[in-house]
Amino acid sequence: MAVTRTGAAPACAKGAIRWVGVSKERKLVAVSRPREVAKDEGWVRLSPVRVRELEPRIEMSGDGPAAERLLASLAKRLGWDGEELAGPGEPSDVEEHDERADFQGAGTFVAAQGVWSIEASFTADCSGKPVYGSVSTWRNGATASLQCGYDPSKHGSHEAWVLEAYELACGS
């Protein structure tokens, strides 16, 4: 189920949208299995596998603003372009892709992929009638190449999604 909501109401086409409880954090969506790489191996391909899938959704207390209008408003609130936020029916698995890297040394390596996960609640003014709701969506994130035995938390990276990838693939 991509969207739990009622329809877009013409009365909500121009009313104000007020955002509250807006949060964003990077979440791990895929990590590769560890791959042993020889010192002179050069470019290697790592294929991350899904850890979780984020499904965008919009929930409202009644007929409210169109999904496109809500996402554009939320993106503006976050300082992003409206087209950067995933709409209903666009799961995060579209971010899964092989990584190619030249690690320039021997070791056991993994690749990780993360996206921004965004949660927010809103009140929309629909011709004087408030409509309450929430949005869960995601935005393209980041990739990380990690070397097992080189704990990122001890070398400057404290991002939860990177640490999760390291612990899943390499152990703690």
N, C-alpha and C. Protein backbone atom coordinates (compact mmCIF):
# COMPACT_ATOMS: atom_id res chain seq x y z
N MET A 1 0.85 -1.16 0.00
CA MET A 1 0.00 0.00 0.00
C MET A 1 0.90 1.23 0.00
N ALA A 2 0.88 2.00 -1.08
CA ALA A 2 1.76 3.15 -1.21
C ALA A 2 1.20 4.39 -0.51
N VAL A 3 -0.11 4.58 -0.53
CA VAL A 3 -0.70 5.79 0.04
C VAL A 3 -1.94 5.41 0.83
N THR A 4 -2.04 5.92 2.05
CA THR A 4 -3.26 5.77 2.84
C THR A 4 -3.82 7.18 2.98
N ARG A 5 -4.83 7.49 2.18
CA ARG A 5 -5.37 8.83 2.20
C ARG A 5 -6.66 8.88 1.41
N THR A 6 -7.34 9.98 1.54
CA THR A 6 -8.49 10.23 0.70
C THR A 6 -8.02 11.12 -0.45
N GLY A 7 -8.91 11.60 -1.26
CA GLY A 7 -8.53 12.34 -2.46
C GLY A 7 -8.08 13.76 -2.21
N ALA A 8 -7.53 14.36 -3.29
CA ALA A 8 -7.13 15.76 -3.25
C ALA A 8 -8.39 16.61 -3.35
N ALA A 9 -8.49 17.60 -2.48
CA ALA A 9 -9.67 18.45 -2.45
C ALA A 9 -9.37 19.80 -3.10
N PRO A 10 -10.22 20.26 -4.01
CA PRO A 10 -10.02 21.58 -4.62
C PRO A 10 -9.92 22.69 -3.56
N ALA A 11 -10.61 22.53 -2.44
CA ALA A 11 -10.58 23.54 -1.38
C ALA A 11 -9.20 23.67 -0.75
N CYS A 12 -8.32 22.69 -1.00
CA CYS A 12 -6.98 22.68 -0.40
C CYS A 12 -5.90 23.09 -1.39
N ALA A 13 -6.28 23.51 -2.57
CA ALA A 13 -5.31 23.80 -3.63
C ALA A 13 -4.41 24.98 -3.30
N LYS A 14 -4.88 25.93 -2.48
CA LYS A 14 -4.08 27.13 -2.23
C LYS A 14 -3.87 27.45 -0.76
N GLY A 15 -4.50 26.72 0.12
CA GLY A 15 -4.39 27.01 1.55
C GLY A 15 -2.99 26.74 2.09
N ALA A 16 -2.69 27.35 3.21
CA ALA A 16 -1.38 27.21 3.84
C ALA A 16 -1.17 25.78 4.34
N ILE A 17 0.08 25.36 4.32
CA ILE A 17 0.48 24.08 4.89
C ILE A 17 1.52 24.39 5.95
N ARG A 18 1.25 23.94 7.18
CA ARG A 18 2.17 24.17 8.30
C ARG A 18 2.77 22.84 8.71
N TRP A 19 4.11 22.78 8.72
CA TRP A 19 4.83 21.55 9.06
C TRP A 19 5.29 21.56 10.50
N VAL A 20 5.15 20.41 11.15
CA VAL A 20 5.65 20.23 12.52
C VAL A 20 6.30 18.86 12.63
N GLY A 21 7.16 18.70 13.60
CA GLY A 21 7.78 17.40 13.84
C GLY A 21 8.57 16.88 12.65
N VAL A 22 9.19 17.77 11.91
CA VAL A 22 9.96 17.35 10.73
C VAL A 22 11.28 16.74 11.17
N SER A 23 11.54 15.52 10.73
CA SER A 23 12.82 14.88 11.05
C SER A 23 13.39 14.25 9.79
N LYS A 24 14.72 14.26 9.72
CA LYS A 24 15.38 13.59 8.61
C LYS A 24 16.62 12.90 9.15
N GLU A 25 16.85 11.71 8.67
CA GLU A 25 18.05 10.97 9.05
C GLU A 25 18.40 10.01 7.93
N ARG A 26 19.69 9.74 7.81
CA ARG A 26 20.11 8.77 6.81
C ARG A 26 19.84 7.37 7.35
N LYS A 27 19.34 6.51 6.47
CA LYS A 27 19.07 5.12 6.85
C LYS A 27 19.76 4.20 5.84
N LEU A 28 20.31 3.14 6.36
CA LEU A 28 20.90 2.12 5.52
C LEU A 28 19.81 1.39 4.75
N VAL A 29 19.98 1.24 3.43
CA VAL A 29 19.02 0.47 2.65
C VAL A 29 19.65 -0.78 2.03
N ALA A 30 20.98 -0.78 1.85
CA ALA A 30 21.62 -1.96 1.26
C ALA A 30 23.10 -2.01 1.68
N VAL A 31 23.62 -3.23 1.81
CA VAL A 31 25.03 -3.44 2.12
C VAL A 31 25.49 -4.72 1.41
N SER A 32 26.72 -4.70 0.93
CA SER A 32 27.24 -5.89 0.24
C SER A 32 27.77 -6.90 1.26
N ARG A 33 27.98 -8.09 0.78
CA ARG A 33 28.67 -9.09 1.58
C ARG A 33 30.16 -8.75 1.54
N PRO A 34 30.91 -9.10 2.56
CA PRO A 34 32.35 -8.79 2.56
C PRO A 34 33.05 -9.46 1.38
N ARG A 35 33.98 -8.73 0.80
CA ARG A 35 34.75 -9.27 -0.33
C ARG A 35 36.23 -9.10 -0.05
N GLU A 36 36.95 -10.21 -0.12
CA GLU A 36 38.40 -10.19 0.05
C GLU A 36 39.02 -9.64 -1.23
N VAL A 37 39.87 -8.62 -1.09
CA VAL A 37 40.49 -7.97 -2.23
C VAL A 37 42.01 -8.09 -2.10
N ALA A 38 42.65 -8.55 -3.16
CA ALA A 38 44.12 -8.66 -3.18
C ALA A 38 44.73 -7.28 -3.42
N LYS A 39 45.98 -7.11 -3.01
CA LYS A 39 46.66 -5.81 -3.09
C LYS A 39 46.66 -5.24 -4.50
N ASP A 40 46.89 -6.06 -5.50
CA ASP A 40 47.00 -5.57 -6.88
C ASP A 40 45.77 -5.90 -7.73
N GLU A 41 44.63 -6.13 -7.10
CA GLU A 41 43.44 -6.55 -7.84
C GLU A 41 42.83 -5.42 -8.67
N GLY A 42 43.02 -4.17 -8.28
CA GLY A 42 42.45 -3.05 -9.04
C GLY A 42 40.97 -2.88 -8.76
N TRP A 43 40.22 -2.52 -9.79
CA TRP A 43 38.79 -2.25 -9.65
C TRP A 43 38.03 -3.52 -9.34
N VAL A 44 37.17 -3.45 -8.33
CA VAL A 44 36.31 -4.59 -7.98
C VAL A 44 34.86 -4.13 -7.92
N ARG A 45 33.97 -5.07 -8.11
CA ARG A 45 32.53 -4.79 -8.06
C ARG A 45 31.96 -5.40 -6.79
N LEU A 46 31.23 -4.58 -6.03
CA LEU A 46 30.53 -5.04 -4.84
C LEU A 46 29.03 -4.86 -5.09
N SER A 47 28.25 -5.87 -4.78
CA SER A 47 26.81 -5.83 -5.04
C SER A 47 26.03 -5.79 -3.73
N PRO A 48 25.62 -4.60 -3.30
CA PRO A 48 24.83 -4.50 -2.07
C PRO A 48 23.49 -5.22 -2.19
N VAL A 49 23.05 -5.80 -1.08
CA VAL A 49 21.74 -6.45 -1.01
C VAL A 49 20.87 -5.68 -0.01
N ARG A 50 19.59 -5.74 -0.22
CA ARG A 50 18.64 -4.94 0.56
C ARG A 50 18.65 -5.30 2.04
N VAL A 51 18.67 -4.26 2.86
CA VAL A 51 18.55 -4.38 4.31
C VAL A 51 17.13 -3.94 4.70
N ARG A 52 16.68 -2.85 4.09
CA ARG A 52 15.32 -2.35 4.34
C ARG A 52 14.85 -1.60 3.12
N GLU A 53 13.54 -1.46 3.03
CA GLU A 53 12.93 -0.70 1.95
C GLU A 53 12.00 0.34 2.55
N LEU A 54 12.17 1.57 2.15
CA LEU A 54 11.30 2.64 2.63
C LEU A 54 10.21 2.88 1.58
N GLU A 55 8.97 2.90 2.01
CA GLU A 55 7.83 3.13 1.13
C GLU A 55 7.21 4.48 1.46
N PRO A 56 7.29 5.44 0.55
CA PRO A 56 6.67 6.74 0.82
C PRO A 56 5.16 6.60 1.02
N ARG A 57 4.63 7.39 1.94
CA ARG A 57 3.18 7.38 2.15
C ARG A 57 2.72 8.73 2.67
N ILE A 58 1.47 9.00 2.41
CA ILE A 58 0.83 10.22 2.89
C ILE A 58 -0.48 9.80 3.54
N GLU A 59 -0.68 10.24 4.77
CA GLU A 59 -1.91 9.94 5.49
C GLU A 59 -2.56 11.26 5.89
N MET A 60 -3.90 11.32 5.75
CA MET A 60 -4.63 12.55 6.10
C MET A 60 -5.94 12.23 6.78
N SER A 61 -6.43 13.20 7.53
CA SER A 61 -7.69 13.03 8.25
C SER A 61 -8.91 13.18 7.35
N GLY A 62 -8.72 13.57 6.11
CA GLY A 62 -9.82 13.75 5.16
C GLY A 62 -9.24 14.21 3.84
N ASP A 63 -10.13 14.62 2.92
CA ASP A 63 -9.63 15.15 1.65
C ASP A 63 -8.73 16.33 1.94
N GLY A 64 -7.56 16.37 1.27
CA GLY A 64 -6.58 17.41 1.54
C GLY A 64 -5.80 17.78 0.30
N PRO A 65 -4.64 18.40 0.49
CA PRO A 65 -3.82 18.81 -0.66
C PRO A 65 -3.35 17.60 -1.47
N ALA A 66 -3.08 17.85 -2.75
CA ALA A 66 -2.54 16.81 -3.62
C ALA A 66 -1.14 16.41 -3.13
N ALA A 67 -0.77 15.17 -3.38
CA ALA A 67 0.54 14.65 -2.96
C ALA A 67 1.67 15.52 -3.49
N GLU A 68 1.59 15.92 -4.75
CA GLU A 68 2.66 16.73 -5.35
C GLU A 68 2.83 18.05 -4.60
N ARG A 69 1.72 18.65 -4.21
CA ARG A 69 1.78 19.93 -3.48
C ARG A 69 2.40 19.72 -2.10
N LEU A 70 2.02 18.66 -1.42
CA LEU A 70 2.58 18.37 -0.10
C LEU A 70 4.09 18.14 -0.18
N LEU A 71 4.52 17.32 -1.14
CA LEU A 71 5.94 17.02 -1.27
C LEU A 71 6.75 18.26 -1.64
N ALA A 72 6.21 19.10 -2.52
CA ALA A 72 6.90 20.34 -2.89
C ALA A 72 7.03 21.26 -1.68
N SER A 73 5.98 21.35 -0.89
CA SER A 73 6.00 22.20 0.31
C SER A 73 7.00 21.67 1.34
N LEU A 74 7.02 20.36 1.53
CA LEU A 74 7.95 19.77 2.49
C LEU A 74 9.39 19.95 2.02
N ALA A 75 9.63 19.73 0.75
CA ALA A 75 10.98 19.91 0.20
C ALA A 75 11.45 21.35 0.40
N LYS A 76 10.56 22.30 0.16
CA LYS A 76 10.90 23.72 0.35
C LYS A 76 11.25 23.97 1.82
N ARG A 77 10.49 23.39 2.72
CA ARG A 77 10.75 23.54 4.17
C ARG A 77 12.13 23.01 4.54
N LEU A 78 12.58 21.95 3.84
CA LEU A 78 13.87 21.34 4.09
C LEU A 78 15.01 21.99 3.29
N GLY A 79 14.65 22.91 2.39
CA GLY A 79 15.67 23.56 1.57
C GLY A 79 16.09 22.73 0.37
N TRP A 80 15.24 21.82 -0.07
CA TRP A 80 15.52 20.94 -1.20
C TRP A 80 14.58 21.24 -2.34
N ASP A 81 14.88 20.70 -3.50
CA ASP A 81 14.02 20.77 -4.68
C ASP A 81 12.88 19.77 -4.49
N GLY A 82 11.68 20.14 -4.86
CA GLY A 82 10.52 19.28 -4.67
C GLY A 82 10.61 17.95 -5.38
N GLU A 83 11.33 17.88 -6.48
CA GLU A 83 11.43 16.64 -7.23
C GLU A 83 12.41 15.66 -6.61
N GLU A 84 13.13 16.09 -5.57
CA GLU A 84 14.10 15.21 -4.91
C GLU A 84 13.44 14.23 -3.94
N LEU A 85 12.22 14.51 -3.51
CA LEU A 85 11.53 13.63 -2.56
C LEU A 85 10.75 12.56 -3.31
N ALA A 86 10.85 11.33 -2.84
CA ALA A 86 10.13 10.22 -3.47
C ALA A 86 8.64 10.35 -3.19
N GLY A 87 7.87 10.10 -4.22
CA GLY A 87 6.42 10.16 -4.07
C GLY A 87 5.85 8.79 -3.76
N PRO A 88 4.56 8.76 -3.41
CA PRO A 88 3.90 7.49 -3.14
C PRO A 88 4.13 6.50 -4.29
N GLY A 89 4.45 5.27 -3.92
CA GLY A 89 4.68 4.23 -4.92
C GLY A 89 6.11 4.15 -5.43
N GLU A 90 7.02 4.94 -4.87
CA GLU A 90 8.42 4.94 -5.30
C GLU A 90 9.29 4.41 -4.16
N PRO A 91 9.45 3.08 -4.06
CA PRO A 91 10.22 2.49 -2.96
C PRO A 91 11.70 2.77 -3.10
N SER A 92 12.40 2.70 -1.97
CA SER A 92 13.82 3.03 -1.93
C SER A 92 14.71 2.00 -2.61
N ASP A 93 14.17 0.87 -3.03
CA ASP A 93 15.02 -0.12 -3.69
C ASP A 93 15.56 0.37 -5.02
N VAL A 94 15.03 1.48 -5.55
CA VAL A 94 15.58 2.04 -6.78
C VAL A 94 17.01 2.54 -6.57
N GLU A 95 17.41 2.72 -5.31
CA GLU A 95 18.76 3.19 -4.99
C GLU A 95 19.79 2.07 -4.97
N GLU A 96 19.35 0.82 -5.07
CA GLU A 96 20.29 -0.30 -5.02
C GLU A 96 20.99 -0.44 -6.37
N HIS A 97 22.30 -0.43 -6.34
CA HIS A 97 23.10 -0.62 -7.56
C HIS A 97 24.50 -1.09 -7.17
N ASP A 98 25.15 -1.76 -8.11
CA ASP A 98 26.51 -2.23 -7.85
C ASP A 98 27.44 -1.05 -7.67
N GLU A 99 28.45 -1.26 -6.83
CA GLU A 99 29.49 -0.26 -6.60
C GLU A 99 30.79 -0.79 -7.19
N ARG A 100 31.52 0.07 -7.86
CA ARG A 100 32.85 -0.27 -8.36
C ARG A 100 33.84 0.62 -7.65
N ALA A 101 34.91 0.01 -7.17
CA ALA A 101 35.92 0.80 -6.45
C ALA A 101 37.29 0.16 -6.62
N ASP A 102 38.31 1.01 -6.56
CA ASP A 102 39.70 0.55 -6.54
C ASP A 102 40.21 0.86 -5.14
N PHE A 103 40.30 -0.17 -4.30
CA PHE A 103 40.64 0.03 -2.90
C PHE A 103 42.13 0.27 -2.68
N GLN A 104 42.95 0.04 -3.69
CA GLN A 104 44.39 0.31 -3.65
C GLN A 104 45.06 -0.32 -2.43
N GLY A 105 44.70 -1.55 -2.17
CA GLY A 105 45.31 -2.26 -1.06
C GLY A 105 44.55 -3.53 -0.76
N ALA A 106 45.17 -4.40 -0.03
CA ALA A 106 44.54 -5.67 0.31
C ALA A 106 43.65 -5.50 1.53
N GLY A 107 42.62 -6.33 1.60
CA GLY A 107 41.74 -6.31 2.76
C GLY A 107 40.38 -6.87 2.42
N THR A 108 39.49 -6.80 3.37
CA THR A 108 38.11 -7.24 3.19
C THR A 108 37.24 -5.99 3.20
N PHE A 109 36.48 -5.79 2.13
CA PHE A 109 35.73 -4.56 1.94
C PHE A 109 34.25 -4.83 1.73
N VAL A 110 33.43 -3.82 2.06
CA VAL A 110 31.99 -3.85 1.81
C VAL A 110 31.57 -2.49 1.27
N ALA A 111 30.45 -2.48 0.56
CA ALA A 111 29.85 -1.23 0.08
C ALA A 111 28.48 -1.09 0.73
N ALA A 112 28.13 0.14 1.08
CA ALA A 112 26.83 0.41 1.70
C ALA A 112 26.13 1.54 0.97
N GLN A 113 24.81 1.50 0.97
CA GLN A 113 24.01 2.56 0.36
C GLN A 113 22.95 3.03 1.35
N GLY A 114 22.82 4.33 1.45
CA GLY A 114 21.84 4.91 2.37
C GLY A 114 21.00 5.97 1.68
N VAL A 115 19.85 6.26 2.24
CA VAL A 115 18.98 7.34 1.75
C VAL A 115 18.57 8.20 2.93
N TRP A 116 18.15 9.41 2.64
CA TRP A 116 17.56 10.26 3.68
C TRP A 116 16.13 9.79 3.90
N SER A 117 15.78 9.52 5.14
CA SER A 117 14.42 9.17 5.52
C SER A 117 13.81 10.41 6.17
N ILE A 118 12.65 10.83 5.67
CA ILE A 118 12.01 12.05 6.17
C ILE A 118 10.63 11.71 6.71
N GLU A 119 10.34 12.20 7.90
CA GLU A 119 9.02 12.04 8.54
C GLU A 119 8.56 13.43 8.95
N ALA A 120 7.29 13.74 8.71
CA ALA A 120 6.77 15.05 9.10
C ALA A 120 5.25 14.99 9.25
N SER A 121 4.74 15.84 10.12
CA SER A 121 3.29 16.01 10.29
C SER A 121 2.92 17.40 9.78
N PHE A 122 1.67 17.56 9.40
CA PHE A 122 1.25 18.85 8.86
C PHE A 122 -0.21 19.16 9.20
N THR A 123 -0.51 20.43 9.11
CA THR A 123 -1.89 20.93 9.12
C THR A 123 -2.06 21.71 7.83
N ALA A 124 -3.07 21.38 7.06
CA ALA A 124 -3.36 22.10 5.82
C ALA A 124 -4.66 22.87 5.98
N ASP A 125 -4.66 24.11 5.53
CA ASP A 125 -5.86 24.94 5.57
C ASP A 125 -6.65 24.69 4.29
N CYS A 126 -7.81 24.09 4.43
CA CYS A 126 -8.67 23.80 3.29
C CYS A 126 -9.93 24.65 3.40
N SER A 127 -9.82 25.87 2.91
CA SER A 127 -10.94 26.84 2.97
C SER A 127 -11.45 27.00 4.39
N GLY A 128 -10.50 27.18 5.33
CA GLY A 128 -10.85 27.41 6.73
C GLY A 128 -11.01 26.16 7.56
N LYS A 129 -11.00 25.01 6.94
CA LYS A 129 -11.13 23.74 7.66
C LYS A 129 -9.75 23.08 7.73
N PRO A 130 -9.26 22.78 8.94
CA PRO A 130 -7.95 22.13 9.04
C PRO A 130 -8.02 20.64 8.68
N VAL A 131 -7.03 20.22 7.91
CA VAL A 131 -6.85 18.80 7.61
C VAL A 131 -5.49 18.43 8.17
N TYR A 132 -5.44 17.40 9.00
CA TYR A 132 -4.20 16.96 9.62
C TYR A 132 -3.66 15.75 8.88
N GLY A 133 -2.34 15.62 8.90
CA GLY A 133 -1.78 14.46 8.23
C GLY A 133 -0.30 14.31 8.49
N SER A 134 0.27 13.30 7.84
CA SER A 134 1.71 13.04 7.96
C SER A 134 2.24 12.54 6.62
N VAL A 135 3.54 12.74 6.46
CA VAL A 135 4.24 12.30 5.26
C VAL A 135 5.46 11.50 5.70
N SER A 136 5.66 10.36 5.06
CA SER A 136 6.88 9.58 5.20
C SER A 136 7.44 9.45 3.79
N THR A 137 8.67 9.87 3.59
CA THR A 137 9.27 9.81 2.26
C THR A 137 10.77 9.61 2.38
N TRP A 138 11.46 9.61 1.26
CA TRP A 138 12.91 9.48 1.26
C TRP A 138 13.49 10.29 0.11
N ARG A 139 14.80 10.51 0.21
CA ARG A 139 15.55 11.25 -0.81
C ARG A 139 16.88 10.53 -1.01
N ASN A 140 17.42 10.61 -2.23
CA ASN A 140 18.72 10.01 -2.51
C ASN A 140 19.69 10.37 -1.40
N GLY A 141 20.52 9.42 -1.05
CA GLY A 141 21.41 9.62 0.09
C GLY A 141 22.88 9.57 -0.26
N ALA A 142 23.52 8.50 0.16
CA ALA A 142 24.98 8.43 0.03
C ALA A 142 25.41 6.98 -0.09
N THR A 143 26.67 6.81 -0.45
CA THR A 143 27.29 5.49 -0.47
C THR A 143 28.52 5.53 0.41
N ALA A 144 28.94 4.37 0.85
CA ALA A 144 30.15 4.28 1.67
C ALA A 144 30.88 2.99 1.32
N SER A 145 32.18 3.07 1.24
CA SER A 145 33.04 1.89 1.09
C SER A 145 33.74 1.70 2.42
N LEU A 146 33.65 0.51 2.98
CA LEU A 146 34.19 0.24 4.30
C LEU A 146 35.15 -0.94 4.27
N GLN A 147 36.17 -0.88 5.09
CA GLN A 147 37.12 -1.98 5.21
C GLN A 147 36.90 -2.67 6.55
N CYS A 148 36.61 -3.96 6.50
CA CYS A 148 36.44 -4.73 7.73
C CYS A 148 37.76 -4.69 8.51
N GLY A 149 37.66 -4.54 9.81
CA GLY A 149 38.83 -4.41 10.66
C GLY A 149 39.25 -2.95 10.85
N TYR A 150 38.62 -2.04 10.15
CA TYR A 150 38.90 -0.61 10.26
C TYR A 150 37.60 0.06 10.69
N ASP A 151 37.28 -0.05 11.97
CA ASP A 151 36.00 0.39 12.53
C ASP A 151 35.79 1.88 12.28
N PRO A 152 34.75 2.25 11.52
CA PRO A 152 34.53 3.66 11.20
C PRO A 152 34.27 4.53 12.43
N SER A 153 33.72 3.95 13.50
CA SER A 153 33.44 4.75 14.70
C SER A 153 34.73 5.19 15.39
N LYS A 154 35.82 4.48 15.13
CA LYS A 154 37.11 4.83 15.74
C LYS A 154 37.96 5.69 14.81
N HIS A 155 37.41 5.98 13.63
CA HIS A 155 38.16 6.77 12.65
C HIS A 155 37.33 7.92 12.09
N GLY A 156 36.49 8.51 12.91
CA GLY A 156 35.81 9.75 12.55
C GLY A 156 34.40 9.67 12.03
N SER A 157 33.89 8.50 11.67
CA SER A 157 32.52 8.42 11.17
C SER A 157 31.59 7.98 12.29
N HIS A 158 30.63 8.82 12.59
CA HIS A 158 29.66 8.49 13.64
C HIS A 158 28.24 8.44 13.09
N GLU A 159 28.11 8.37 11.76
CA GLU A 159 26.77 8.28 11.17
C GLU A 159 26.21 6.89 11.43
N ALA A 160 25.01 6.84 11.96
CA ALA A 160 24.40 5.57 12.37
C ALA A 160 24.29 4.59 11.21
N TRP A 161 23.96 5.06 10.02
CA TRP A 161 23.78 4.14 8.89
C TRP A 161 25.10 3.49 8.49
N VAL A 162 26.20 4.22 8.60
CA VAL A 162 27.52 3.68 8.26
C VAL A 162 27.92 2.64 9.31
N LEU A 163 27.71 2.95 10.58
CA LEU A 163 28.05 2.01 11.65
C LEU A 163 27.20 0.75 11.56
N GLU A 164 25.93 0.91 11.22
CA GLU A 164 25.05 -0.25 11.05
C GLU A 164 25.57 -1.15 9.92
N ALA A 165 25.95 -0.55 8.80
CA ALA A 165 26.47 -1.32 7.67
C ALA A 165 27.73 -2.09 8.07
N TYR A 166 28.63 -1.40 8.78
CA TYR A 166 29.88 -2.04 9.22
C TYR A 166 29.60 -3.23 10.14
N GLU A 167 28.73 -3.03 11.13
CA GLU A 167 28.43 -4.10 12.07
C GLU A 167 27.70 -5.27 11.41
N LEU A 168 26.80 -4.98 10.47
CA LEU A 168 26.10 -6.05 9.78
C LEU A 168 27.05 -6.91 8.94
N ALA A 169 27.90 -6.24 8.16
CA ALA A 169 28.74 -6.96 7.22
C ALA A 169 30.05 -7.47 7.81
N CYS A 170 30.61 -6.73 8.74
CA CYS A 170 31.94 -7.08 9.26
C CYS A 170 31.91 -7.62 10.68
N GLY A 171 30.79 -7.46 11.37
CA GLY A 171 30.73 -7.80 12.79
C GLY A 171 31.21 -6.61 13.60
N SER A 172 31.05 -6.68 14.90
CA SER A 172 31.43 -5.52 15.73
C SER A 172 32.84 -5.63 16.24
